[in-house]
Amino acid sequence: MKYTDEQLDEAARSNIFSDEQVKRFREYVQNCNDNVTKFQKVLYYGGALLIISAMTWLMKTNWGSLAGMVCISALYIAAFLFAGYYVFFIKNMEVAGGLLFSVSIAVTPLFVFSLLRLMGFWTAEWAYNDYYVWVKGKWIILEISTILAALPILLKTKFPFHVFLIAGSLWFFSMDIVPIIYKTDYITWTERANISNIFGLIMIFSGYFMNIKFKKDYSFWLYLFGLITLSSGLSVFYNHNTAKFVLLGVVNILLILFSLFINRNVFLVFGAIGLAEFLSRLSWEFFYDSKLFPFSLTIIGVFLILLGIFFQKNRNNIEENVIRKLPSFILDLRPKRNI
């Protein structure tokens, strides 16, 4: 659970905390954040993401020779590794240094692609920016390379944003591995959905393990990409199967309940979106080709808004009542997250 400055001020005015305690708490939090202000973080992340976007999905490989691209990407990797090491370990600036390391990780697939293309592994028709558009089995080499480059840096720096690059690569991997598993390029949506569901669950459970194991938040990006992967897979199942359609609604309700258990809003968001999708589809089935269909969607929308208002006002009570009824061995599995 996170607290705002306004809530801390209100607690001081209500004599829950003294002004001195609030002041000391803010100083403690500031020291924990390495004295990095929100404005600085915006600059750091904005700059890093701009570089990453320039050298990844916006990169065109047809402007020069492949040998030149290999040299440029290798130079980027070496330069940002050196800069990251200097800023992170010598200057003790965790956020800035960690993001410099992230740039070197993000450029890894460009280097591997250019090198293998130069060696004739890919034909001239394959362009690097297709990596972010088309599903192809051979792309898993780029994803594995990125993960292998990220893991030692993550272990050395323990910088959570590196998990974003790993989770993103796993998401791509879950799509590109499908043609290899089924040994054909002609794959049904159901077959794709099966693999997406498996990989989504693996990423979510990996994030849950990290949530329990570590004090730092390494799990958010695994949760996010895992839920994206799982949700995209589940959305296919309800097309022509009533049982799986019902399962879609049950799974999204479980996601909402799970968000209370581990205190993670990302599950609440995806559960609410999935539940809205389920109710919309249900309304379509009952009011197919009916003038009442728009009104049924309006009712569902109003219901969800009212449900959100009720949940916001009663979240603490709901959470306490749900948690209190759970047996102790299940409560032991609840992550003890940072405030």
Protein backbone atom coordinates (compact mmCIF):
# COMPACT_ATOMS: atom_id res chain seq x y z
CA MET A 1 0.00 0.00 0.00
CA LYS A 2 1.30 3.46 -0.91
CA TYR A 3 0.63 6.73 0.90
CA THR A 4 0.45 10.26 -0.45
CA ASP A 5 1.90 13.40 1.13
CA GLU A 6 -1.65 14.65 1.72
CA GLN A 7 -2.52 11.52 3.71
CA LEU A 8 0.60 11.92 5.85
CA ASP A 9 -0.27 15.56 6.51
CA GLU A 10 -3.82 14.55 7.45
CA ALA A 11 -2.45 11.89 9.82
CA ALA A 12 -0.31 14.55 11.51
CA ARG A 13 -3.30 16.90 11.85
CA SER A 14 -5.30 14.03 13.38
CA ASN A 15 -2.52 13.43 15.96
CA ILE A 16 -1.83 9.95 14.59
CA PHE A 17 1.78 11.00 13.93
CA SER A 18 3.68 13.99 15.19
CA ASP A 19 5.06 16.54 12.74
CA GLU A 20 8.57 15.40 13.67
CA GLN A 21 7.73 11.77 12.89
CA VAL A 22 6.31 12.72 9.50
CA LYS A 23 9.40 14.79 8.74
CA ARG A 24 11.75 11.97 9.71
CA PHE A 25 9.71 9.46 7.68
CA ARG A 26 9.94 11.66 4.57
CA GLU A 27 13.68 12.02 5.03
CA TYR A 28 13.97 8.25 5.36
CA VAL A 29 11.98 7.61 2.17
CA GLN A 30 14.00 10.22 0.32
CA ASN A 31 17.25 8.55 1.37
CA CYS A 32 15.88 5.17 0.28
CA ASN A 33 15.19 6.63 -3.15
CA ASP A 34 18.79 7.85 -3.48
CA ASN A 35 17.59 11.45 -3.37
CA VAL A 36 16.18 11.16 -6.88
CA THR A 37 13.25 13.49 -7.43
CA LYS A 38 10.29 12.67 -9.65
CA PHE A 39 11.50 15.25 -12.17
CA GLN A 40 14.91 13.59 -12.31
CA LYS A 41 13.29 10.19 -12.85
CA VAL A 42 11.24 11.60 -15.71
CA LEU A 43 14.43 12.89 -17.33
CA TYR A 44 16.33 9.64 -16.71
CA TYR A 45 13.61 7.33 -17.97
CA GLY A 46 12.62 9.68 -20.81
CA GLY A 47 16.20 9.84 -22.07
CA ALA A 48 16.77 6.09 -21.76
CA LEU A 49 13.50 5.19 -23.48
CA LEU A 50 14.26 7.66 -26.28
CA ILE A 51 17.62 5.97 -26.91
CA ILE A 52 16.08 2.50 -26.68
CA SER A 53 13.31 3.39 -29.14
CA ALA A 54 15.85 4.89 -31.56
CA MET A 55 17.99 1.75 -31.50
CA THR A 56 15.19 -0.84 -31.50
CA TRP A 57 11.76 -0.61 -33.16
CA LEU A 58 12.56 2.67 -34.97
CA MET A 59 15.89 1.42 -36.32
CA LYS A 60 16.17 0.88 -40.07
CA THR A 61 18.97 -1.42 -41.20
CA ASN A 62 18.94 -0.48 -44.87
CA TRP A 63 20.77 2.83 -44.51
CA GLY A 64 24.26 1.32 -44.46
CA SER A 65 26.29 -1.87 -44.63
CA LEU A 66 25.65 -4.75 -42.26
CA ALA A 67 29.25 -4.61 -41.12
CA GLY A 68 28.72 -0.98 -40.17
CA MET A 69 25.57 -1.89 -38.26
CA VAL A 70 27.46 -4.59 -36.36
CA CYS A 71 30.17 -2.08 -35.42
CA ILE A 72 27.70 0.64 -34.42
CA SER A 73 25.58 -1.65 -32.25
CA ALA A 74 28.69 -3.18 -30.65
CA LEU A 75 29.97 0.32 -29.95
CA TYR A 76 26.65 1.26 -28.35
CA ILE A 77 26.72 -1.83 -26.13
CA ALA A 78 30.31 -1.25 -25.00
CA ALA A 79 29.85 2.50 -24.45
CA PHE A 80 26.67 2.15 -22.40
CA LEU A 81 28.09 -0.76 -20.40
CA PHE A 82 31.08 1.38 -19.48
CA ALA A 83 28.91 4.43 -18.76
CA GLY A 84 26.50 2.35 -16.71
CA TYR A 85 29.30 0.83 -14.66
CA TYR A 86 30.84 4.23 -13.99
CA VAL A 87 27.59 5.97 -13.02
CA PHE A 88 26.12 3.02 -11.09
CA PHE A 89 29.14 1.74 -9.17
CA ILE A 90 31.56 4.68 -9.08
CA LYS A 91 29.12 7.58 -8.78
CA ASN A 92 26.53 5.52 -6.83
CA MET A 93 23.64 6.86 -8.94
CA GLU A 94 21.41 3.80 -9.12
CA VAL A 95 18.60 5.03 -11.37
CA ALA A 96 20.75 6.79 -13.97
CA GLY A 97 23.36 4.01 -14.01
CA GLY A 98 20.78 1.26 -14.14
CA LEU A 99 19.08 2.85 -17.14
CA LEU A 100 22.40 3.17 -18.96
CA PHE A 101 22.85 -0.57 -18.47
CA SER A 102 19.31 -1.04 -19.82
CA VAL A 103 20.25 0.68 -23.07
CA SER A 104 23.10 -1.78 -23.62
CA ILE A 105 20.68 -4.69 -23.05
CA ALA A 106 18.09 -3.25 -25.44
CA VAL A 107 20.66 -2.89 -28.25
CA THR A 108 21.68 -6.58 -27.94
CA PRO A 109 19.06 -7.94 -30.41
CA LEU A 110 20.15 -5.38 -33.03
CA PHE A 111 23.76 -6.52 -32.68
CA VAL A 112 22.84 -10.22 -32.88
CA PHE A 113 20.53 -9.66 -35.86
CA SER A 114 23.14 -7.66 -37.79
CA LEU A 115 25.87 -10.18 -37.04
CA LEU A 116 23.78 -13.20 -38.08
CA ARG A 117 22.46 -11.39 -41.15
CA LEU A 118 26.07 -10.64 -42.13
CA MET A 119 26.85 -14.35 -41.75
CA GLY A 120 23.94 -15.27 -44.01
CA PHE A 121 21.67 -16.70 -41.33
CA TRP A 122 18.83 -14.46 -42.51
CA THR A 123 18.00 -13.55 -46.10
CA ALA A 124 18.08 -10.00 -47.43
CA GLU A 125 14.28 -9.79 -47.20
CA TRP A 126 14.44 -9.90 -43.40
CA ALA A 127 14.65 -6.41 -41.90
CA TYR A 128 15.35 -5.73 -38.24
CA ASN A 129 12.25 -3.62 -37.65
CA ASP A 130 10.18 -6.66 -38.71
CA TYR A 131 11.21 -8.17 -35.38
CA TYR A 132 8.67 -5.94 -33.63
CA VAL A 133 5.91 -6.64 -36.18
CA TRP A 134 5.96 -10.22 -37.46
CA VAL A 135 5.97 -13.55 -35.63
CA LYS A 136 8.82 -15.77 -36.87
CA GLY A 137 10.43 -18.79 -35.26
CA LYS A 138 14.00 -17.63 -35.84
CA TRP A 139 13.39 -14.47 -33.79
CA ILE A 140 13.75 -16.55 -30.60
CA ILE A 141 17.52 -16.24 -31.05
CA LEU A 142 17.22 -12.48 -30.51
CA GLU A 143 14.98 -12.94 -27.47
CA ILE A 144 17.25 -15.53 -25.87
CA SER A 145 20.27 -13.30 -26.54
CA THR A 146 18.55 -10.35 -24.85
CA ILE A 147 17.62 -12.43 -21.80
CA LEU A 148 21.15 -13.85 -21.51
CA ALA A 149 22.59 -10.34 -21.72
CA ALA A 150 20.15 -8.99 -19.13
CA LEU A 151 20.43 -11.70 -16.47
CA PRO A 152 24.06 -11.11 -15.35
CA ILE A 153 23.50 -7.34 -15.33
CA LEU A 154 20.33 -7.79 -13.26
CA LEU A 155 22.14 -10.07 -10.81
CA LYS A 156 25.01 -7.58 -10.50
CA THR A 157 23.01 -4.33 -10.26
CA LYS A 158 19.67 -5.62 -8.83
CA PHE A 159 17.99 -2.80 -10.80
CA PRO A 160 14.28 -3.69 -11.25
CA PHE A 161 13.79 -2.03 -14.65
CA HIS A 162 15.98 -4.69 -16.27
CA VAL A 163 13.10 -7.10 -15.63
CA PHE A 164 11.07 -5.01 -18.10
CA LEU A 165 13.44 -6.00 -20.91
CA ILE A 166 13.44 -9.64 -19.80
CA ALA A 167 9.64 -9.78 -19.51
CA GLY A 168 9.21 -8.08 -22.89
CA SER A 169 11.55 -10.61 -24.49
CA LEU A 170 9.61 -13.47 -22.87
CA TRP A 171 6.39 -12.01 -24.29
CA PHE A 172 7.87 -11.96 -27.79
CA PHE A 173 9.31 -15.44 -27.18
CA SER A 174 5.85 -16.79 -26.31
CA MET A 175 4.66 -15.75 -29.78
CA ASP A 176 7.74 -16.68 -31.82
CA ILE A 177 8.08 -20.14 -30.26
CA VAL A 178 4.64 -21.22 -31.54
CA PRO A 179 5.72 -22.09 -35.14
CA ILE A 180 8.60 -24.13 -33.71
CA ILE A 181 6.41 -26.07 -31.27
CA TYR A 182 3.80 -26.97 -33.89
CA LYS A 183 6.41 -27.30 -36.69
CA THR A 184 4.30 -25.32 -39.15
CA ASP A 185 3.58 -21.72 -40.11
CA TYR A 186 -0.15 -22.46 -40.45
CA ILE A 187 -1.29 -22.21 -36.86
CA THR A 188 -4.83 -21.73 -35.56
CA TRP A 189 -5.67 -19.01 -33.07
CA THR A 190 -6.57 -21.67 -30.50
CA GLU A 191 -3.09 -23.19 -30.80
CA ARG A 192 -1.53 -19.76 -30.34
CA ALA A 193 -3.81 -19.15 -27.35
CA ASN A 194 -2.70 -22.38 -25.67
CA ILE A 195 0.95 -21.32 -25.77
CA SER A 196 0.08 -17.77 -24.66
CA ASN A 197 -1.80 -19.10 -21.64
CA ILE A 198 1.12 -21.32 -20.62
CA PHE A 199 3.70 -18.55 -20.95
CA GLY A 200 1.42 -16.04 -19.26
CA LEU A 201 1.02 -18.29 -16.23
CA ILE A 202 4.77 -18.97 -16.12
CA MET A 203 5.54 -15.24 -16.08
CA ILE A 204 2.91 -14.56 -13.42
CA PHE A 205 4.21 -17.34 -11.17
CA SER A 206 7.79 -16.12 -11.72
CA GLY A 207 6.70 -12.64 -10.67
CA TYR A 208 4.91 -14.07 -7.64
CA PHE A 209 8.09 -15.93 -6.63
CA MET A 210 10.10 -12.71 -6.90
CA ASN A 211 7.37 -10.88 -5.00
CA ILE A 212 7.86 -13.25 -2.06
CA LYS A 213 11.60 -13.69 -2.32
CA PHE A 214 12.90 -10.13 -2.70
CA LYS A 215 12.26 -6.82 -0.99
CA LYS A 216 12.81 -4.86 -4.20
CA ASP A 217 9.95 -4.88 -6.69
CA TYR A 218 11.20 -7.13 -9.49
CA SER A 219 7.78 -8.61 -10.13
CA PHE A 220 5.74 -5.77 -11.65
CA TRP A 221 6.93 -6.19 -15.24
CA LEU A 222 6.55 -9.97 -15.09
CA TYR A 223 3.02 -9.50 -13.77
CA LEU A 224 2.21 -6.96 -16.49
CA PHE A 225 3.54 -8.92 -19.47
CA GLY A 226 2.27 -12.18 -17.99
CA LEU A 227 -1.23 -10.75 -17.73
CA ILE A 228 -1.05 -9.33 -21.26
CA THR A 229 0.00 -12.75 -22.56
CA LEU A 230 -2.61 -14.64 -20.52
CA SER A 231 -5.43 -12.22 -21.36
CA SER A 232 -4.70 -12.35 -25.08
CA GLY A 233 -4.81 -16.14 -24.92
CA LEU A 234 -8.01 -16.32 -22.88
CA SER A 235 -9.84 -13.89 -25.15
CA VAL A 236 -9.70 -16.46 -27.97
CA PHE A 237 -11.40 -19.23 -26.01
CA TYR A 238 -14.90 -17.84 -25.72
CA ASN A 239 -15.54 -17.55 -29.45
CA HIS A 240 -17.41 -20.85 -30.00
CA ASN A 241 -17.32 -22.65 -26.66
CA THR A 242 -19.78 -21.90 -23.85
CA ALA A 243 -17.78 -23.68 -21.14
CA LYS A 244 -14.63 -21.76 -21.98
CA PHE A 245 -16.65 -18.56 -22.18
CA VAL A 246 -17.81 -19.13 -18.59
CA LEU A 247 -14.22 -19.95 -17.65
CA LEU A 248 -13.20 -16.53 -18.98
CA GLY A 249 -15.55 -14.84 -16.50
CA VAL A 250 -14.41 -17.03 -13.59
CA VAL A 251 -10.72 -16.39 -14.32
CA ASN A 252 -11.23 -12.62 -14.31
CA ILE A 253 -13.10 -12.75 -11.01
CA LEU A 254 -10.19 -14.79 -9.60
CA LEU A 255 -7.77 -12.15 -10.87
CA ILE A 256 -9.67 -9.47 -8.92
CA LEU A 257 -9.63 -11.60 -5.76
CA PHE A 258 -5.94 -12.38 -6.27
CA SER A 259 -5.23 -8.65 -6.47
CA LEU A 260 -6.62 -8.31 -2.92
CA PHE A 261 -4.53 -11.23 -1.72
CA ILE A 262 -1.19 -9.90 -2.98
CA ASN A 263 -2.16 -6.20 -2.93
CA ARG A 264 -1.37 -5.63 -6.62
CA ASN A 265 -3.57 -3.28 -8.63
CA VAL A 266 -2.33 -4.63 -11.96
CA PHE A 267 -4.40 -7.79 -11.40
CA LEU A 268 -7.39 -5.67 -10.46
CA VAL A 269 -7.09 -3.67 -13.70
CA PHE A 270 -6.81 -6.72 -15.95
CA GLY A 271 -9.54 -8.53 -14.02
CA ALA A 272 -11.89 -5.57 -14.40
CA ILE A 273 -11.14 -5.24 -18.12
CA GLY A 274 -11.66 -8.96 -18.61
CA LEU A 275 -14.90 -8.88 -16.63
CA ALA A 276 -16.15 -5.99 -18.75
CA GLU A 277 -15.29 -8.00 -21.86
CA PHE A 278 -17.14 -11.01 -20.46
CA LEU A 279 -20.27 -8.99 -19.59
CA SER A 280 -20.23 -7.22 -22.96
CA ARG A 281 -20.04 -10.54 -24.78
CA LEU A 282 -22.82 -11.93 -22.58
CA SER A 283 -24.95 -8.92 -23.42
CA TRP A 284 -24.26 -9.46 -27.11
CA GLU A 285 -25.40 -13.08 -26.87
CA PHE A 286 -28.70 -12.15 -25.18
CA PHE A 287 -29.43 -8.99 -27.17
CA TYR A 288 -27.99 -10.06 -30.54
CA ASP A 289 -29.24 -7.81 -33.33
CA SER A 290 -31.47 -5.98 -30.87
CA LYS A 291 -32.12 -2.29 -30.39
CA LEU A 292 -31.60 -2.88 -26.68
CA PHE A 293 -27.94 -3.80 -27.14
CA PRO A 294 -26.55 -0.24 -26.65
CA PHE A 295 -28.69 0.16 -23.53
CA SER A 296 -27.51 -3.15 -22.12
CA LEU A 297 -23.91 -2.01 -22.55
CA THR A 298 -24.79 1.27 -20.83
CA ILE A 299 -26.23 -0.63 -17.87
CA ILE A 300 -23.11 -2.77 -17.64
CA GLY A 301 -20.91 0.33 -17.77
CA VAL A 302 -22.88 2.05 -15.01
CA PHE A 303 -22.77 -1.15 -12.95
CA LEU A 304 -18.98 -1.33 -13.25
CA ILE A 305 -18.59 2.32 -12.26
CA LEU A 306 -20.83 1.84 -9.20
CA LEU A 307 -18.92 -1.31 -8.34
CA GLY A 308 -15.68 0.67 -8.54
CA ILE A 309 -17.06 3.39 -6.24
CA PHE A 310 -18.24 0.77 -3.74
CA PHE A 311 -14.88 -0.98 -3.86
CA GLN A 312 -12.96 2.27 -3.36
CA LYS A 313 -14.98 3.14 -0.27
CA ASN A 314 -14.91 -0.33 1.24
CA ARG A 315 -11.62 -1.77 0.03
CA ASN A 316 -10.02 -2.01 3.46
CA ASN A 317 -13.05 -3.75 4.96
CA ILE A 318 -13.37 -6.11 2.00
CA GLU A 319 -9.67 -6.92 2.12
CA GLU A 320 -9.71 -7.53 5.88
CA ASN A 321 -12.81 -9.75 5.68
CA VAL A 322 -11.40 -11.81 2.81
CA ILE A 323 -7.95 -12.17 4.37
CA ARG A 324 -9.30 -12.94 7.86
CA LYS A 325 -11.18 -15.99 6.60
CA LEU A 326 -8.16 -17.55 4.95
CA PRO A 327 -6.28 -20.34 6.77
CA SER A 328 -2.83 -19.54 8.15
CA PHE A 329 -0.92 -21.73 5.66
CA ILE A 330 -2.41 -19.65 2.80
CA LEU A 331 -1.66 -16.37 4.58
CA ASP A 332 1.97 -17.47 4.76
CA LEU A 333 1.99 -17.38 0.96
CA ARG A 334 0.97 -13.72 0.89
CA PRO A 335 3.84 -11.48 -0.25
CA LYS A 336 5.04 -9.08 2.42
CA ARG A 337 5.57 -6.15 0.07
CA ASN A 338 7.09 -2.77 0.62
CA ILE A 339 4.76 0.00 1.75
